[in-house]
Amino acid sequence: MDSIVEISDVLGLKILKIDIDVLSICRTLGKGFEEFILLDIGLDYSMMTIFQSGAPVAQRALQQGWSNFVNAVSEVTFTDNRKTEALIKTKPLLVDCDSELEDASIALKDAVNSLVHECRLTSDYYTTNKREAVFTHLVLAGAGSAVPGLSEYVARDNENEVITHDILKMVDFYSKFEKKKVKAAAPVLAVAVGAALAGGDLGD
């Protein structure tokens, strides 16, 4: 945060508001989300946040993220990261896939299972200490959520409704923006949109 303030000062920018990613994402979810878990799957790690009555009450950084998905699949397909990322984003490795991709499918599922396991351990620990706590949704967000069939796969062993946050369902982007680029960037746009929705006080 200090470095952002320093850069703003050098550029002569006025800081209107400072927010955190999870609150920005939450701001773009719409109505109906009060008691839920937000799993923001980042590049090198994921941030799990427990919300109760619409407010964050507990948070944990999980040491699994998009790079774990990519590395796991890359090791069995012997492809570079760029090709592996394209494979994960375009092929249904978590659902029915071709037999030739079976090794990649198993590797990806193991990586996802590891992340979900850590998430479940944290939520179980929380409910052990807060017996009145309930969750209705597990919301997947962030760059690492752009995996076909991810929410359906995670939902198989989850008692809560699992959804992948899609900012495109909440916001209509300028029609002249290239649709492919907007769709590709959608998983990380929620933070920017949420921050904009927060507004800020222009002051004097």
C-alpha atoms as a PDB file:
ATOM      1  CA  MET A   1       0.000   0.000   0.000  1.00  0.00           C
ATOM      2  CA  ASP A   2       2.838   2.376   0.848  1.00  0.00           C
ATOM      3  CA  SER A   3       4.404   1.840  -2.561  1.00  0.00           C
ATOM      4  CA  ILE A   4       1.078   2.640  -4.279  1.00  0.00           C
ATOM      5  CA  VAL A   5       0.786   5.855  -2.269  1.00  0.00           C
ATOM      6  CA  GLU A   6       4.370   6.807  -3.205  1.00  0.00           C
ATOM      7  CA  ILE A   7       3.727   6.179  -6.912  1.00  0.00           C
ATOM      8  CA  SER A   8       0.529   8.224  -6.744  1.00  0.00           C
ATOM      9  CA  ASP A   9       2.412  11.117  -5.167  1.00  0.00           C
ATOM     10  CA  VAL A  10       5.118  11.020  -7.851  1.00  0.00           C
ATOM     11  CA  LEU A  11       2.499  11.025 -10.617  1.00  0.00           C
ATOM     12  CA  GLY A  12       0.498  13.753  -8.953  1.00  0.00           C
ATOM     13  CA  LEU A  13      -2.571  11.538  -8.583  1.00  0.00           C
ATOM     14  CA  LYS A  14      -5.172  11.976  -5.859  1.00  0.00           C
ATOM     15  CA  ILE A  15      -6.135   8.754  -4.061  1.00  0.00           C
ATOM     16  CA  LEU A  16      -9.910   8.627  -3.676  1.00  0.00           C
ATOM     17  CA  LYS A  17     -10.184   5.339  -1.818  1.00  0.00           C
ATOM     18  CA  ILE A  18      -8.095   2.309  -0.873  1.00  0.00           C
ATOM     19  CA  ASP A  19      -9.830  -1.058  -1.040  1.00  0.00           C
ATOM     20  CA  ILE A  20      -8.896  -4.743  -1.002  1.00  0.00           C
ATOM     21  CA  ASP A  21      -9.516  -7.235  -3.796  1.00  0.00           C
ATOM     22  CA  VAL A  22     -12.068  -9.407  -2.008  1.00  0.00           C
ATOM     23  CA  LEU A  23     -14.323  -6.463  -1.147  1.00  0.00           C
ATOM     24  CA  SER A  24     -14.127  -5.222  -4.728  1.00  0.00           C
ATOM     25  CA  ILE A  25     -15.131  -8.647  -6.032  1.00  0.00           C
ATOM     26  CA  CYS A  26     -17.923  -8.923  -3.464  1.00  0.00           C
ATOM     27  CA  ARG A  27     -19.298  -5.597  -4.653  1.00  0.00           C
ATOM     28  CA  THR A  28     -19.886  -7.093  -8.110  1.00  0.00           C
ATOM     29  CA  LEU A  29     -21.698 -10.246  -6.992  1.00  0.00           C
ATOM     30  CA  GLY A  30     -25.134  -8.685  -6.826  1.00  0.00           C
ATOM     31  CA  LYS A  31     -27.852  -9.607  -4.347  1.00  0.00           C
ATOM     32  CA  GLY A  32     -28.326 -12.896  -2.557  1.00  0.00           C
ATOM     33  CA  PHE A  33     -24.821 -13.340  -1.158  1.00  0.00           C
ATOM     34  CA  GLU A  34     -24.669 -13.002   2.609  1.00  0.00           C
ATOM     35  CA  GLU A  35     -23.295 -16.228   4.098  1.00  0.00           C
ATOM     36  CA  PHE A  36     -20.730 -17.538   1.639  1.00  0.00           C
ATOM     37  CA  ILE A  37     -17.104 -18.347   0.919  1.00  0.00           C
ATOM     38  CA  LEU A  38     -15.189 -16.420  -1.725  1.00  0.00           C
ATOM     39  CA  LEU A  39     -12.239 -18.280  -3.221  1.00  0.00           C
ATOM     40  CA  ASP A  40     -10.153 -15.860  -5.272  1.00  0.00           C
ATOM     41  CA  ILE A  41      -7.782 -18.085  -7.266  1.00  0.00           C
ATOM     42  CA  GLY A  42      -4.733 -16.024  -8.093  1.00  0.00           C
ATOM     43  CA  LEU A  43      -1.539 -16.743  -9.981  1.00  0.00           C
ATOM     44  CA  ASP A  44       0.677 -18.074  -7.194  1.00  0.00           C
ATOM     45  CA  TYR A  45      -1.805 -18.416  -4.343  1.00  0.00           C
ATOM     46  CA  SER A  46      -5.508 -18.187  -3.588  1.00  0.00           C
ATOM     47  CA  MET A  47      -7.278 -16.008  -1.049  1.00  0.00           C
ATOM     48  CA  MET A  48     -10.165 -17.628   0.803  1.00  0.00           C
ATOM     49  CA  THR A  49     -12.536 -15.257   2.571  1.00  0.00           C
ATOM     50  CA  ILE A  50     -15.495 -16.259   4.723  1.00  0.00           C
ATOM     51  CA  PHE A  51     -18.430 -13.861   4.664  1.00  0.00           C
ATOM     52  CA  GLN A  52     -21.173 -13.754   7.282  1.00  0.00           C
ATOM     53  CA  SER A  53     -24.081 -11.319   6.994  1.00  0.00           C
ATOM     54  CA  GLY A  54     -22.352  -9.846   3.952  1.00  0.00           C
ATOM     55  CA  ALA A  55     -19.148  -8.941   5.820  1.00  0.00           C
ATOM     56  CA  PRO A  56     -15.750 -10.675   5.739  1.00  0.00           C
ATOM     57  CA  VAL A  57     -15.062 -12.387   9.084  1.00  0.00           C
ATOM     58  CA  ALA A  58     -12.124 -14.700   8.337  1.00  0.00           C
ATOM     59  CA  GLN A  59      -9.469 -14.981   5.680  1.00  0.00           C
ATOM     60  CA  ARG A  60      -6.663 -17.350   4.744  1.00  0.00           C
ATOM     61  CA  ALA A  61      -4.082 -17.398   1.971  1.00  0.00           C
ATOM     62  CA  LEU A  62      -3.888 -20.859   0.378  1.00  0.00           C
ATOM     63  CA  GLN A  63      -0.623 -21.858  -1.265  1.00  0.00           C
ATOM     64  CA  GLN A  64      -2.288 -23.197  -4.423  1.00  0.00           C
ATOM     65  CA  GLY A  65      -3.197 -21.119  -7.454  1.00  0.00           C
ATOM     66  CA  TRP A  66      -3.291 -20.991 -11.232  1.00  0.00           C
ATOM     67  CA  SER A  67       0.454 -21.702 -11.514  1.00  0.00           C
ATOM     68  CA  ASN A  68      -0.074 -24.994  -9.652  1.00  0.00           C
ATOM     69  CA  PHE A  69      -2.707 -26.009 -12.187  1.00  0.00           C
ATOM     70  CA  VAL A  70      -0.360 -25.149 -15.061  1.00  0.00           C
ATOM     71  CA  ASN A  71       2.719 -26.822 -13.569  1.00  0.00           C
ATOM     72  CA  ALA A  72       0.812 -30.008 -12.766  1.00  0.00           C
ATOM     73  CA  VAL A  73      -0.496 -30.378 -16.314  1.00  0.00           C
ATOM     74  CA  SER A  74       2.783 -29.264 -17.903  1.00  0.00           C
ATOM     75  CA  GLU A  75       4.683 -32.022 -16.112  1.00  0.00           C
ATOM     76  CA  VAL A  76       2.595 -34.774 -17.706  1.00  0.00           C
ATOM     77  CA  THR A  77       2.110 -33.200 -21.139  1.00  0.00           C
ATOM     78  CA  PHE A  78       5.712 -32.009 -21.529  1.00  0.00           C
ATOM     79  CA  THR A  79       4.542 -28.697 -22.980  1.00  0.00           C
ATOM     80  CA  ASP A  80       5.608 -25.161 -22.139  1.00  0.00           C
ATOM     81  CA  ASN A  81       3.469 -22.972 -19.889  1.00  0.00           C
ATOM     82  CA  ARG A  82       1.888 -21.023 -22.732  1.00  0.00           C
ATOM     83  CA  LYS A  83       0.577 -24.138 -24.478  1.00  0.00           C
ATOM     84  CA  THR A  84      -0.452 -25.674 -21.167  1.00  0.00           C
ATOM     85  CA  GLU A  85      -2.472 -22.593 -20.204  1.00  0.00           C
ATOM     86  CA  ALA A  86      -4.269 -22.706 -23.564  1.00  0.00           C
ATOM     87  CA  LEU A  87      -4.977 -26.417 -23.049  1.00  0.00           C
ATOM     88  CA  ILE A  88      -6.470 -25.872 -19.586  1.00  0.00           C
ATOM     89  CA  LYS A  89      -8.614 -22.950 -20.750  1.00  0.00           C
ATOM     90  CA  THR A  90      -9.981 -24.598 -23.899  1.00  0.00           C
ATOM     91  CA  LYS A  91     -10.278 -28.324 -23.185  1.00  0.00           C
ATOM     92  CA  PRO A  92     -12.817 -29.825 -20.738  1.00  0.00           C
ATOM     93  CA  LEU A  93     -10.176 -31.561 -18.624  1.00  0.00           C
ATOM     94  CA  LEU A  94     -12.383 -31.574 -15.532  1.00  0.00           C
ATOM     95  CA  VAL A  95     -15.325 -33.217 -17.277  1.00  0.00           C
ATOM     96  CA  ASP A  96     -15.452 -35.722 -20.118  1.00  0.00           C
ATOM     97  CA  CYS A  97     -12.294 -35.426 -22.182  1.00  0.00           C
ATOM     98  CA  ASP A  98     -10.489 -37.427 -24.855  1.00  0.00           C
ATOM     99  CA  SER A  99      -8.520 -40.451 -23.696  1.00  0.00           C
ATOM    100  CA  GLU A 100      -5.344 -38.869 -25.050  1.00  0.00           C
ATOM    101  CA  LEU A 101      -5.776 -36.114 -22.468  1.00  0.00           C
ATOM    102  CA  GLU A 102      -6.400 -38.467 -19.558  1.00  0.00           C
ATOM    103  CA  ASP A 103      -3.033 -37.789 -17.892  1.00  0.00           C
ATOM    104  CA  ALA A 104      -3.590 -34.033 -18.160  1.00  0.00           C
ATOM    105  CA  SER A 105      -7.093 -34.457 -16.748  1.00  0.00           C
ATOM    106  CA  ILE A 106      -5.862 -36.451 -13.736  1.00  0.00           C
ATOM    107  CA  ALA A 107      -3.083 -33.940 -13.046  1.00  0.00           C
ATOM    108  CA  LEU A 108      -5.449 -30.980 -13.165  1.00  0.00           C
ATOM    109  CA  LYS A 109      -8.017 -32.710 -10.973  1.00  0.00           C
ATOM    110  CA  ASP A 110      -5.334 -33.497  -8.384  1.00  0.00           C
ATOM    111  CA  ALA A 111      -4.246 -29.835  -8.335  1.00  0.00           C
ATOM    112  CA  VAL A 112      -7.832 -28.608  -7.983  1.00  0.00           C
ATOM    113  CA  ASN A 113      -8.546 -31.198  -5.291  1.00  0.00           C
ATOM    114  CA  SER A 114      -5.555 -29.962  -3.302  1.00  0.00           C
ATOM    115  CA  LEU A 115      -6.866 -26.400  -3.356  1.00  0.00           C
ATOM    116  CA  VAL A 116     -10.425 -27.415  -2.478  1.00  0.00           C
ATOM    117  CA  HIS A 117      -9.152 -29.636   0.344  1.00  0.00           C
ATOM    118  CA  GLU A 118      -7.352 -26.705   1.981  1.00  0.00           C
ATOM    119  CA  CYS A 119     -10.456 -24.563   1.541  1.00  0.00           C
ATOM    120  CA  ARG A 120     -12.604 -27.215   3.207  1.00  0.00           C
ATOM    121  CA  LEU A 121     -10.185 -27.600   6.122  1.00  0.00           C
ATOM    122  CA  THR A 122     -10.413 -23.879   6.794  1.00  0.00           C
ATOM    123  CA  SER A 123     -14.207 -23.725   6.554  1.00  0.00           C
ATOM    124  CA  ASP A 124     -14.543 -26.793   8.799  1.00  0.00           C
ATOM    125  CA  TYR A 125     -12.238 -25.225  11.379  1.00  0.00           C
ATOM    126  CA  TYR A 126     -14.284 -22.026  11.284  1.00  0.00           C
ATOM    127  CA  THR A 127     -17.624 -23.808  11.751  1.00  0.00           C
ATOM    128  CA  THR A 128     -16.157 -25.878  14.583  1.00  0.00           C
ATOM    129  CA  ASN A 129     -15.537 -22.662  16.497  1.00  0.00           C
ATOM    130  CA  LYS A 130     -18.626 -20.851  15.201  1.00  0.00           C
ATOM    131  CA  ARG A 131     -21.324 -23.494  15.293  1.00  0.00           C
ATOM    132  CA  GLU A 132     -24.007 -21.031  14.234  1.00  0.00           C
ATOM    133  CA  ALA A 133     -22.146 -20.287  10.994  1.00  0.00           C
ATOM    134  CA  VAL A 134     -23.750 -21.402   7.734  1.00  0.00           C
ATOM    135  CA  PHE A 135     -22.704 -21.081   4.118  1.00  0.00           C
ATOM    136  CA  THR A 136     -24.978 -21.026   1.083  1.00  0.00           C
ATOM    137  CA  HIS A 137     -22.400 -20.564  -1.684  1.00  0.00           C
ATOM    138  CA  LEU A 138     -18.802 -21.159  -2.620  1.00  0.00           C
ATOM    139  CA  VAL A 139     -17.909 -18.448  -5.133  1.00  0.00           C
ATOM    140  CA  LEU A 140     -14.901 -19.057  -7.390  1.00  0.00           C
ATOM    141  CA  ALA A 141     -13.234 -15.953  -8.788  1.00  0.00           C
ATOM    142  CA  GLY A 142      -9.898 -14.670 -10.055  1.00  0.00           C
ATOM    143  CA  ALA A 143      -7.636 -15.603 -12.947  1.00  0.00           C
ATOM    144  CA  GLY A 144      -7.500 -19.244 -11.888  1.00  0.00           C
ATOM    145  CA  SER A 145     -11.253 -19.675 -12.106  1.00  0.00           C
ATOM    146  CA  ALA A 146     -11.111 -19.652 -15.922  1.00  0.00           C
ATOM    147  CA  VAL A 147     -11.138 -23.437 -16.158  1.00  0.00           C
ATOM    148  CA  PRO A 148     -14.005 -25.046 -18.101  1.00  0.00           C
ATOM    149  CA  GLY A 149     -16.245 -27.043 -15.790  1.00  0.00           C
ATOM    150  CA  LEU A 150     -14.463 -25.916 -12.612  1.00  0.00           C
ATOM    151  CA  SER A 151     -17.595 -25.035 -10.618  1.00  0.00           C
ATOM    152  CA  GLU A 152     -19.351 -28.246 -11.688  1.00  0.00           C
ATOM    153  CA  TYR A 153     -16.330 -30.341 -10.700  1.00  0.00           C
ATOM    154  CA  VAL A 154     -15.930 -28.679  -7.293  1.00  0.00           C
ATOM    155  CA  ALA A 155     -19.682 -28.965  -6.653  1.00  0.00           C
ATOM    156  CA  ARG A 156     -19.540 -32.762  -6.813  1.00  0.00           C
ATOM    157  CA  ASP A 157     -18.160 -32.961  -3.293  1.00  0.00           C
ATOM    158  CA  ASN A 158     -19.493 -29.726  -1.868  1.00  0.00           C
ATOM    159  CA  GLU A 159     -22.738 -29.310   0.026  1.00  0.00           C
ATOM    160  CA  ASN A 160     -22.985 -25.623  -0.904  1.00  0.00           C
ATOM    161  CA  GLU A 161     -23.903 -24.208  -4.272  1.00  0.00           C
ATOM    162  CA  VAL A 162     -20.708 -23.599  -6.245  1.00  0.00           C
ATOM    163  CA  ILE A 163     -20.574 -20.853  -8.854  1.00  0.00           C
ATOM    164  CA  THR A 164     -17.868 -19.217 -10.917  1.00  0.00           C
ATOM    165  CA  HIS A 165     -18.229 -15.453 -10.766  1.00  0.00           C
ATOM    166  CA  ASP A 166     -18.788 -14.000 -14.233  1.00  0.00           C
ATOM    167  CA  ILE A 167     -18.508 -10.220 -14.379  1.00  0.00           C
ATOM    168  CA  LEU A 168     -19.906 -10.297 -17.927  1.00  0.00           C
ATOM    169  CA  LYS A 169     -23.300 -11.216 -16.479  1.00  0.00           C
ATOM    170  CA  MET A 170     -23.225  -8.150 -14.256  1.00  0.00           C
ATOM    171  CA  VAL A 171     -21.744  -5.474 -16.523  1.00  0.00           C
ATOM    172  CA  ASP A 172     -22.296  -4.464 -20.140  1.00  0.00           C
ATOM    173  CA  PHE A 173     -18.953  -3.406 -21.569  1.00  0.00           C
ATOM    174  CA  TYR A 174     -18.522  -0.804 -24.292  1.00  0.00           C
ATOM    175  CA  SER A 175     -19.656  -2.363 -27.571  1.00  0.00           C
ATOM    176  CA  LYS A 176     -16.497  -1.300 -29.412  1.00  0.00           C
ATOM    177  CA  PHE A 177     -14.271  -3.304 -27.075  1.00  0.00           C
ATOM    178  CA  GLU A 178     -13.019  -6.488 -28.737  1.00  0.00           C
ATOM    179  CA  LYS A 179     -15.291  -9.189 -27.320  1.00  0.00           C
ATOM    180  CA  LYS A 180     -12.599 -11.884 -27.304  1.00  0.00           C
ATOM    181  CA  LYS A 181     -10.252  -9.756 -25.239  1.00  0.00           C
ATOM    182  CA  VAL A 182     -12.999  -8.760 -22.808  1.00  0.00           C
ATOM    183  CA  LYS A 183     -14.022 -12.393 -22.341  1.00  0.00           C
ATOM    184  CA  ALA A 184     -10.410 -13.473 -21.809  1.00  0.00           C
ATOM    185  CA  ALA A 185      -9.877 -10.741 -19.216  1.00  0.00           C
ATOM    186  CA  ALA A 186     -13.254 -11.258 -17.502  1.00  0.00           C
ATOM    187  CA  PRO A 187     -11.941 -13.284 -14.529  1.00  0.00           C
ATOM    188  CA  VAL A 188      -9.707 -10.410 -13.418  1.00  0.00           C
ATOM    189  CA  LEU A 189     -12.015  -7.525 -14.344  1.00  0.00           C
ATOM    190  CA  ALA A 190     -14.214  -7.971 -11.272  1.00  0.00           C
ATOM    191  CA  VAL A 191     -11.641  -6.272  -9.035  1.00  0.00           C
ATOM    192  CA  ALA A 192     -11.384  -3.229 -11.317  1.00  0.00           C
ATOM    193  CA  VAL A 193     -15.150  -2.932 -11.708  1.00  0.00           C
ATOM    194  CA  GLY A 194     -15.717  -3.411  -7.977  1.00  0.00           C
ATOM    195  CA  ALA A 195     -13.165  -0.738  -7.162  1.00  0.00           C
ATOM    196  CA  ALA A 196     -14.898   1.665  -9.549  1.00  0.00           C
ATOM    197  CA  LEU A 197     -18.243   0.927  -7.915  1.00  0.00           C
ATOM    198  CA  ALA A 198     -16.770   1.833  -4.536  1.00  0.00           C
ATOM    199  CA  GLY A 199     -16.374   5.405  -5.718  1.00  0.00           C
ATOM    200  CA  GLY A 200     -14.532   7.870  -3.557  1.00  0.00           C
ATOM    201  CA  ASP A 201     -14.655  11.355  -2.098  1.00  0.00           C
ATOM    202  CA  LEU A 202     -13.142  13.972  -4.390  1.00  0.00           C
ATOM    203  CA  GLY A 203     -12.869  16.350  -1.463  1.00  0.00           C
ATOM    204  CA  ASP A 204     -11.879  19.923  -2.121  1.00  0.00           C
END
